[in-house]
Amino acid sequence: MSTTLTLNEISKEALEILYRELGISKTVRFLNQYSTGMGDYVSQKEIIYQGKTVQDLVSEIQKKKMM
């Protein structure tokens, strides 16, 4: 008869396998791609780009490429 593992137990087992097979550095790099980040991306971008047109942004990008 098999036992049902909790999600926490499955996660722990998966991390142990990743660490054993990949090593700590590769395991951390793998897990970092699933990071959710922090803050409110949409609100931050609305503040940063407030009042700018697409052409304004294109011009800024082109200037930075020339640097």
N, C-alpha and C. Protein backbone atom coordinates (compact mmCIF):
# COMPACT_ATOMS: atom_id res chain seq x y z
N MET A 1 0.84 -1.17 0.00
CA MET A 1 0.00 0.00 0.00
C MET A 1 0.90 1.25 0.00
N SER A 2 0.62 2.21 -0.87
CA SER A 2 1.43 3.42 -0.93
C SER A 2 0.85 4.47 0.00
N THR A 3 1.73 5.34 0.48
CA THR A 3 1.27 6.42 1.34
C THR A 3 1.21 7.70 0.52
N THR A 4 0.32 8.56 0.90
CA THR A 4 0.18 9.84 0.23
C THR A 4 1.06 10.85 0.94
N LEU A 5 1.97 11.46 0.16
CA LEU A 5 2.86 12.46 0.72
C LEU A 5 2.21 13.84 0.64
N THR A 6 2.56 14.67 1.60
CA THR A 6 2.09 16.05 1.55
C THR A 6 2.90 16.80 0.50
N LEU A 7 2.40 17.94 0.07
CA LEU A 7 3.12 18.76 -0.90
C LEU A 7 4.48 19.19 -0.34
N ASN A 8 4.52 19.47 0.95
CA ASN A 8 5.78 19.84 1.60
C ASN A 8 6.78 18.68 1.54
N GLU A 9 6.33 17.47 1.77
CA GLU A 9 7.22 16.30 1.72
C GLU A 9 7.73 16.05 0.29
N ILE A 10 6.86 16.23 -0.68
CA ILE A 10 7.26 16.07 -2.08
C ILE A 10 8.29 17.13 -2.45
N SER A 11 8.06 18.36 -2.04
CA SER A 11 9.00 19.45 -2.32
C SER A 11 10.36 19.17 -1.70
N LYS A 12 10.37 18.70 -0.46
CA LYS A 12 11.61 18.38 0.22
C LYS A 12 12.37 17.28 -0.52
N GLU A 13 11.67 16.25 -0.92
CA GLU A 13 12.29 15.15 -1.65
C GLU A 13 12.84 15.63 -3.00
N ALA A 14 12.08 16.46 -3.69
CA ALA A 14 12.51 16.98 -4.99
C ALA A 14 13.78 17.82 -4.83
N LEU A 15 13.82 18.67 -3.81
CA LEU A 15 15.02 19.49 -3.57
C LEU A 15 16.24 18.63 -3.26
N GLU A 16 16.04 17.58 -2.48
CA GLU A 16 17.14 16.67 -2.16
C GLU A 16 17.67 15.99 -3.42
N ILE A 17 16.77 15.59 -4.31
CA ILE A 17 17.18 14.96 -5.57
C ILE A 17 17.93 15.95 -6.45
N LEU A 18 17.38 17.15 -6.58
CA LEU A 18 18.05 18.18 -7.38
C LEU A 18 19.45 18.45 -6.84
N TYR A 19 19.57 18.63 -5.56
CA TYR A 19 20.86 18.90 -4.95
C TYR A 19 21.84 17.75 -5.18
N ARG A 20 21.37 16.54 -4.99
CA ARG A 20 22.24 15.36 -5.16
C ARG A 20 22.69 15.22 -6.61
N GLU A 21 21.79 15.44 -7.56
CA GLU A 21 22.09 15.22 -8.97
C GLU A 21 22.78 16.42 -9.64
N LEU A 22 22.42 17.63 -9.24
CA LEU A 22 22.95 18.82 -9.91
C LEU A 22 24.01 19.56 -9.10
N GLY A 23 24.00 19.39 -7.79
CA GLY A 23 24.87 20.19 -6.94
C GLY A 23 24.15 21.47 -6.54
N ILE A 24 24.72 22.14 -5.55
CA ILE A 24 24.03 23.30 -4.99
C ILE A 24 23.92 24.46 -5.98
N SER A 25 25.00 24.74 -6.70
CA SER A 25 25.00 25.89 -7.61
C SER A 25 23.95 25.76 -8.70
N LYS A 26 23.90 24.62 -9.37
CA LYS A 26 22.93 24.41 -10.45
C LYS A 26 21.51 24.33 -9.90
N THR A 27 21.36 23.78 -8.71
CA THR A 27 20.03 23.72 -8.09
C THR A 27 19.50 25.12 -7.83
N VAL A 28 20.35 25.98 -7.27
CA VAL A 28 19.93 27.36 -6.99
C VAL A 28 19.59 28.08 -8.28
N ARG A 29 20.43 27.93 -9.31
CA ARG A 29 20.15 28.57 -10.60
C ARG A 29 18.82 28.09 -11.18
N PHE A 30 18.55 26.79 -11.07
CA PHE A 30 17.30 26.22 -11.56
C PHE A 30 16.11 26.81 -10.81
N LEU A 31 16.19 26.88 -9.50
CA LEU A 31 15.08 27.38 -8.69
C LEU A 31 14.85 28.87 -8.89
N ASN A 32 15.90 29.63 -9.15
CA ASN A 32 15.75 31.07 -9.35
C ASN A 32 14.88 31.43 -10.54
N GLN A 33 14.81 30.56 -11.53
CA GLN A 33 13.98 30.89 -12.68
C GLN A 33 12.49 30.86 -12.35
N TYR A 34 12.14 30.32 -11.20
CA TYR A 34 10.74 30.26 -10.78
C TYR A 34 10.40 31.27 -9.70
N SER A 35 11.32 32.20 -9.44
CA SER A 35 11.09 33.23 -8.43
C SER A 35 9.95 34.13 -8.87
N THR A 36 9.08 34.48 -7.95
CA THR A 36 7.93 35.31 -8.29
C THR A 36 8.24 36.80 -8.25
N GLY A 37 9.36 37.17 -7.69
CA GLY A 37 9.70 38.58 -7.62
C GLY A 37 8.94 39.28 -6.51
N MET A 38 9.09 40.61 -6.48
CA MET A 38 8.46 41.38 -5.43
C MET A 38 7.88 42.66 -6.01
N GLY A 39 6.91 43.20 -5.35
CA GLY A 39 6.35 44.48 -5.75
C GLY A 39 5.23 44.36 -6.76
N ASP A 40 4.74 45.51 -7.18
CA ASP A 40 3.66 45.59 -8.14
C ASP A 40 4.22 46.12 -9.46
N TYR A 41 4.55 45.23 -10.35
CA TYR A 41 5.19 45.55 -11.62
C TYR A 41 4.39 46.56 -12.42
N VAL A 42 3.10 46.36 -12.51
CA VAL A 42 2.27 47.24 -13.33
C VAL A 42 2.28 48.67 -12.78
N SER A 43 2.11 48.83 -11.49
CA SER A 43 2.11 50.16 -10.88
C SER A 43 3.46 50.85 -11.06
N GLN A 44 4.54 50.09 -10.90
CA GLN A 44 5.87 50.66 -11.07
C GLN A 44 6.08 51.14 -12.50
N LYS A 45 5.67 50.37 -13.47
CA LYS A 45 5.84 50.76 -14.87
C LYS A 45 4.96 51.95 -15.23
N GLU A 46 3.77 52.03 -14.66
CA GLU A 46 2.90 53.18 -14.91
C GLU A 46 3.57 54.47 -14.43
N ILE A 47 4.25 54.40 -13.30
CA ILE A 47 4.94 55.58 -12.76
C ILE A 47 6.16 55.92 -13.64
N ILE A 48 6.95 54.92 -13.98
CA ILE A 48 8.18 55.14 -14.75
C ILE A 48 7.88 55.72 -16.13
N TYR A 49 6.86 55.18 -16.79
CA TYR A 49 6.59 55.56 -18.18
C TYR A 49 5.44 56.56 -18.32
N GLN A 50 4.99 57.15 -17.23
CA GLN A 50 3.88 58.09 -17.26
C GLN A 50 4.16 59.25 -18.22
N GLY A 51 3.24 59.48 -19.13
CA GLY A 51 3.35 60.60 -20.06
C GLY A 51 4.27 60.36 -21.25
N LYS A 52 4.87 59.19 -21.36
CA LYS A 52 5.77 58.91 -22.47
C LYS A 52 5.02 58.17 -23.57
N THR A 53 5.36 58.51 -24.80
CA THR A 53 4.76 57.81 -25.94
C THR A 53 5.67 56.66 -26.34
N VAL A 54 5.16 55.82 -27.21
CA VAL A 54 5.98 54.73 -27.74
C VAL A 54 7.20 55.30 -28.45
N GLN A 55 7.00 56.38 -29.18
CA GLN A 55 8.12 57.00 -29.90
C GLN A 55 9.17 57.52 -28.91
N ASP A 56 8.74 58.08 -27.78
CA ASP A 56 9.68 58.51 -26.75
C ASP A 56 10.55 57.34 -26.28
N LEU A 57 9.91 56.23 -26.04
CA LEU A 57 10.63 55.04 -25.56
C LEU A 57 11.58 54.51 -26.62
N VAL A 58 11.13 54.48 -27.86
CA VAL A 58 11.98 54.02 -28.97
C VAL A 58 13.21 54.92 -29.07
N SER A 59 13.02 56.22 -28.97
CA SER A 59 14.14 57.17 -29.04
C SER A 59 15.13 56.93 -27.90
N GLU A 60 14.63 56.68 -26.71
CA GLU A 60 15.51 56.40 -25.56
C GLU A 60 16.32 55.13 -25.79
N ILE A 61 15.68 54.11 -26.32
CA ILE A 61 16.37 52.85 -26.60
C ILE A 61 17.46 53.06 -27.64
N GLN A 62 17.14 53.78 -28.71
CA GLN A 62 18.10 54.05 -29.76
C GLN A 62 19.30 54.84 -29.23
N LYS A 63 19.07 55.79 -28.36
CA LYS A 63 20.17 56.58 -27.77
C LYS A 63 21.09 55.68 -26.95
N LYS A 64 20.50 54.76 -26.18
CA LYS A 64 21.30 53.87 -25.34
C LYS A 64 22.11 52.88 -26.19
N LYS A 65 21.57 52.48 -27.34
CA LYS A 65 22.29 51.57 -28.22
C LYS A 65 23.52 52.25 -28.81
N MET A 66 23.46 53.56 -29.00
CA MET A 66 24.58 54.31 -29.58
C MET A 66 25.71 54.53 -28.59
N MET A 67 25.43 54.39 -27.31
CA MET A 67 26.44 54.63 -26.27
C MET A 67 27.48 53.56 -26.26
